[in-house]
Amino acid sequence: MKKITVITGHYGSGKTNLSVNLAVKAAQEGKEVTVVDLDLVNPYFRTADFREMFSGMGIKLIAPDFACSNLDVPSIQFDIEQLAGSDSCLIIDVGGDDAGAFALGRFSEALNRFGDELDMFYVLNQRRYLTENSGEAVSLMFEIEKAARMRHTAVVNNTNLGCETTPAIISQSDDFARETAAAAGLPLAFTTCPEELCELIDKPDIFPVKVYVKPLWDL
């Protein structure tokens, strides 16, 4: 994991759950971690919801001023360049699609200066509308890049159906993920898998994840 990790993707692709897992893993490895909730589009399923858990693990959270409130005001007050230049491991959870990526574009000049110290992951979930084939997925990725004024460095396969995810669903998405990565000219960084299913999947690039982000009816 590099010093700076930016997470983008389609609405509902699982960006926030991946961001939370990366932050927790880095903290467990003894790293200083800062998470920036840059989702100014979706008031639900955001990293700001995990403020209390992050605090207990020593993870610093920076979110829009009115995150987790009833106010729909896209206000952000922080210096991303200062954060990126600190000793902390920085994880940025970006809003979905190109609409969410416009907020990232505001900081593109500062972030692009970090070059090899930065990864920008495009998160795929084949089971989501508008990213069911590689053509759709790559087209959306380019729209995100245009809005963000930044280039992705790798693709992450996060194909799942929530609590209905099975090993077959994850295995069947492998060709789609690799085809999409190849079409985008990017490497496939890894494939996520719920922790309890990992031993049932024989793949070398599996990244075990805990399902932190759940719909209200599963809480």
Protein backbone atom coordinates (compact mmCIF):
# COMPACT_ATOMS: atom_id res chain seq x y z
CA MET A 1 0.00 0.00 0.00
CA LYS A 2 1.42 3.37 -1.06
CA LYS A 3 1.51 6.57 0.96
CA ILE A 4 -1.64 7.91 -0.73
CA THR A 5 -4.56 5.76 -1.94
CA VAL A 6 -7.49 7.30 -3.80
CA ILE A 7 -10.63 5.16 -4.19
CA THR A 8 -13.10 5.83 -7.04
CA GLY A 9 -15.80 3.89 -8.87
CA HIS A 10 -19.46 3.56 -9.72
CA TYR A 11 -22.20 4.23 -7.16
CA GLY A 12 -22.58 1.14 -5.00
CA SER A 13 -19.37 -0.50 -6.19
CA GLY A 14 -18.14 -0.79 -2.60
CA LYS A 15 -15.66 2.10 -2.47
CA THR A 16 -16.39 2.98 1.13
CA ASN A 17 -16.17 -0.58 2.42
CA LEU A 18 -12.81 -0.98 0.67
CA SER A 19 -11.59 2.33 2.08
CA VAL A 20 -12.53 1.27 5.61
CA ASN A 21 -10.78 -2.09 5.20
CA LEU A 22 -7.60 -0.49 3.85
CA ALA A 23 -7.57 1.99 6.74
CA VAL A 24 -8.09 -0.73 9.36
CA LYS A 25 -5.39 -2.93 7.82
CA ALA A 26 -2.88 -0.08 7.74
CA ALA A 27 -3.66 0.84 11.37
CA GLN A 28 -3.24 -2.80 12.44
CA GLU A 29 0.17 -2.76 10.77
CA GLY A 30 1.15 0.11 13.05
CA LYS A 31 0.88 2.89 10.47
CA GLU A 32 -0.46 6.35 11.17
CA VAL A 33 -3.64 6.61 9.07
CA THR A 34 -5.81 9.49 7.88
CA VAL A 35 -9.05 8.89 5.96
CA VAL A 36 -10.61 11.69 3.93
CA ASP A 37 -14.33 11.33 3.18
CA LEU A 38 -14.57 13.21 -0.11
CA ASP A 39 -18.06 11.99 -0.98
CA LEU A 40 -20.10 15.16 -1.47
CA VAL A 41 -22.82 13.36 -3.45
CA ASN A 42 -24.17 10.44 -1.44
CA PRO A 43 -25.28 11.04 2.17
CA TYR A 44 -25.46 7.28 2.81
CA PHE A 45 -22.78 4.59 3.23
CA ARG A 46 -19.85 6.95 3.74
CA THR A 47 -16.60 6.75 5.70
CA ALA A 48 -17.82 9.52 8.03
CA ASP A 49 -20.22 6.93 9.47
CA PHE A 50 -17.23 5.15 11.03
CA ARG A 51 -15.90 8.09 13.03
CA GLU A 52 -16.28 6.32 16.38
CA MET A 53 -14.64 3.09 15.19
CA PHE A 54 -11.79 5.00 13.57
CA SER A 55 -11.23 7.02 16.74
CA GLY A 56 -10.89 3.84 18.78
CA MET A 57 -8.21 2.58 16.38
CA GLY A 58 -6.28 5.84 16.23
CA ILE A 59 -7.39 6.54 12.65
CA LYS A 60 -7.90 10.22 11.89
CA LEU A 61 -11.05 11.03 9.90
CA ILE A 62 -11.57 14.20 7.90
CA ALA A 63 -15.03 14.73 6.42
CA PRO A 64 -17.17 17.53 4.94
CA ASP A 65 -18.41 19.95 7.58
CA PHE A 66 -21.98 18.65 7.49
CA ALA A 67 -21.36 14.94 6.95
CA CYS A 68 -23.88 12.69 8.77
CA SER A 69 -26.26 15.58 9.33
CA ASN A 70 -29.56 16.58 7.73
CA LEU A 71 -27.89 19.42 5.83
CA ASP A 72 -27.03 18.82 2.18
CA VAL A 73 -24.17 21.33 1.99
CA PRO A 74 -21.01 20.33 0.06
CA SER A 75 -18.59 22.16 2.35
CA ILE A 76 -15.01 20.97 2.77
CA GLN A 77 -12.38 22.73 4.85
CA PHE A 78 -9.02 20.97 4.82
CA ASP A 79 -5.62 21.22 3.17
CA ILE A 80 -5.17 18.06 1.11
CA GLU A 81 -1.60 18.96 0.17
CA GLN A 82 -0.59 19.30 3.81
CA LEU A 83 -2.23 15.96 4.59
CA ALA A 84 -0.53 14.25 1.65
CA GLY A 85 2.83 15.63 2.71
CA SER A 86 2.55 14.36 6.29
CA ASP A 87 3.90 11.06 7.60
CA SER A 88 0.40 9.62 7.71
CA CYS A 89 -0.93 6.99 5.31
CA LEU A 90 -3.68 8.88 3.45
CA ILE A 91 -6.82 7.17 2.08
CA ILE A 92 -9.30 9.27 0.09
CA ASP A 93 -12.83 7.91 -0.40
CA VAL A 94 -14.30 9.67 -3.46
CA GLY A 95 -17.97 9.99 -4.40
CA GLY A 96 -19.43 7.80 -7.14
CA ASP A 97 -19.08 8.30 -10.88
CA ASP A 98 -17.87 11.53 -12.52
CA ALA A 99 -20.25 13.60 -10.35
CA GLY A 100 -18.38 12.52 -7.23
CA ALA A 101 -14.98 12.86 -8.89
CA PHE A 102 -15.39 16.61 -9.49
CA ALA A 103 -14.57 17.17 -5.80
CA LEU A 104 -11.32 15.25 -6.29
CA GLY A 105 -10.48 17.44 -9.28
CA ARG A 106 -10.23 20.40 -6.94
CA PHE A 107 -7.14 18.75 -5.41
CA SER A 108 -5.69 17.12 -8.53
CA GLU A 109 -2.78 19.50 -8.98
CA ALA A 110 -1.60 18.97 -5.41
CA LEU A 111 -2.07 15.19 -5.47
CA ASN A 112 -0.47 14.65 -8.88
CA ARG A 113 2.79 16.00 -7.48
CA PHE A 114 3.19 12.84 -5.41
CA GLY A 115 3.58 10.62 -8.47
CA ASP A 116 4.92 7.19 -7.47
CA GLU A 117 3.72 7.65 -3.89
CA LEU A 118 0.08 7.61 -5.02
CA ASP A 119 -2.31 4.86 -6.11
CA MET A 120 -5.70 5.65 -7.60
CA PHE A 121 -7.88 2.52 -7.59
CA TYR A 122 -10.91 2.12 -9.83
CA VAL A 123 -13.31 -0.19 -7.97
CA LEU A 124 -15.40 -2.59 -10.06
CA ASN A 125 -18.55 -4.46 -9.13
CA GLN A 126 -19.86 -6.41 -12.11
CA ARG A 127 -23.19 -6.90 -10.34
CA ARG A 128 -23.95 -3.16 -10.44
CA TYR A 129 -25.99 -1.50 -13.18
CA LEU A 130 -23.86 0.35 -15.80
CA THR A 131 -20.72 -1.69 -15.06
CA GLU A 132 -21.94 -5.12 -16.12
CA ASN A 133 -19.49 -5.38 -19.05
CA SER A 134 -15.97 -4.13 -19.62
CA GLY A 135 -17.00 -1.55 -22.24
CA GLU A 136 -19.38 0.19 -19.82
CA ALA A 137 -16.89 -0.03 -16.97
CA VAL A 138 -14.00 1.47 -18.94
CA SER A 139 -16.19 4.25 -20.33
CA LEU A 140 -17.23 5.23 -16.81
CA MET A 141 -13.61 5.07 -15.64
CA PHE A 142 -12.57 7.59 -18.30
CA GLU A 143 -15.43 9.89 -17.29
CA ILE A 144 -14.18 9.77 -13.70
CA GLU A 145 -10.63 10.56 -14.80
CA LYS A 146 -11.81 13.53 -16.84
CA ALA A 147 -13.74 14.96 -13.90
CA ALA A 148 -10.93 14.26 -11.42
CA ARG A 149 -8.11 15.41 -13.71
CA MET A 150 -6.18 12.39 -12.48
CA ARG A 151 -5.29 8.97 -13.90
CA HIS A 152 -6.02 5.62 -12.30
CA THR A 153 -3.09 3.35 -11.53
CA ALA A 154 -4.94 0.04 -11.07
CA VAL A 155 -8.30 -1.73 -11.05
CA VAL A 156 -9.79 -3.49 -8.02
CA ASN A 157 -12.35 -6.25 -8.54
CA ASN A 158 -14.95 -5.84 -5.80
CA THR A 159 -17.75 -7.84 -7.41
CA ASN A 160 -20.32 -8.85 -4.81
CA LEU A 161 -24.01 -9.12 -3.99
CA GLY A 162 -23.77 -8.06 -0.37
CA CYS A 163 -24.87 -10.78 2.03
CA GLU A 164 -25.79 -12.97 -0.97
CA THR A 165 -22.21 -13.10 -2.25
CA THR A 166 -20.94 -16.60 -3.00
CA PRO A 167 -17.54 -17.96 -4.07
CA ALA A 168 -19.04 -18.60 -7.53
CA ILE A 169 -19.99 -14.93 -7.94
CA ILE A 170 -16.46 -13.83 -7.13
CA SER A 171 -14.81 -16.49 -9.32
CA GLN A 172 -17.09 -15.80 -12.27
CA SER A 173 -16.11 -12.10 -12.21
CA ASP A 174 -12.43 -12.83 -12.81
CA ASP A 175 -12.58 -12.73 -16.62
CA PHE A 176 -14.62 -9.52 -16.52
CA ALA A 177 -12.14 -7.83 -14.17
CA ARG A 178 -9.10 -8.85 -16.18
CA GLU A 179 -10.74 -7.85 -19.46
CA THR A 180 -11.66 -4.46 -18.02
CA ALA A 181 -8.16 -3.88 -16.64
CA ALA A 182 -6.60 -4.83 -19.98
CA ALA A 183 -8.98 -2.54 -21.90
CA ALA A 184 -8.08 0.30 -19.52
CA GLY A 185 -4.36 -0.43 -19.85
CA LEU A 186 -4.05 -0.97 -16.12
CA PRO A 187 -3.03 -3.83 -13.81
CA LEU A 188 -5.60 -5.68 -11.72
CA ALA A 189 -4.42 -4.86 -8.20
CA PHE A 190 -6.47 -7.51 -6.38
CA THR A 191 -9.90 -9.10 -5.97
CA THR A 192 -11.76 -8.57 -2.71
CA CYS A 193 -13.52 -11.38 -0.90
CA PRO A 194 -15.48 -11.50 2.36
CA GLU A 195 -13.24 -13.00 5.04
CA GLU A 196 -15.51 -15.96 5.64
CA LEU A 197 -15.35 -17.03 1.97
CA CYS A 198 -11.62 -16.68 1.32
CA GLU A 199 -10.72 -20.27 2.10
CA LEU A 200 -13.24 -21.41 -0.52
CA ILE A 201 -11.58 -19.50 -3.37
CA ASP A 202 -8.32 -20.63 -4.95
CA LYS A 203 -6.91 -17.36 -6.25
CA PRO A 204 -3.53 -15.76 -5.48
CA ASP A 205 -4.67 -12.11 -5.64
CA ILE A 206 -7.45 -12.26 -3.03
CA PHE A 207 -7.75 -9.39 -0.54
CA PRO A 208 -9.89 -10.42 2.46
CA VAL A 209 -12.40 -7.80 3.54
CA LYS A 210 -14.78 -7.43 6.43
CA VAL A 211 -18.24 -6.15 5.51
CA TYR A 212 -18.47 -2.92 7.48
CA VAL A 213 -20.91 -1.09 5.20
CA LYS A 214 -24.34 -2.70 5.43
CA PRO A 215 -27.84 -1.64 4.39
CA LEU A 216 -30.09 -0.51 7.21
CA TRP A 217 -32.13 -3.71 7.07
CA ASP A 218 -28.99 -5.76 7.83
CA LEU A 219 -27.95 -3.73 10.88
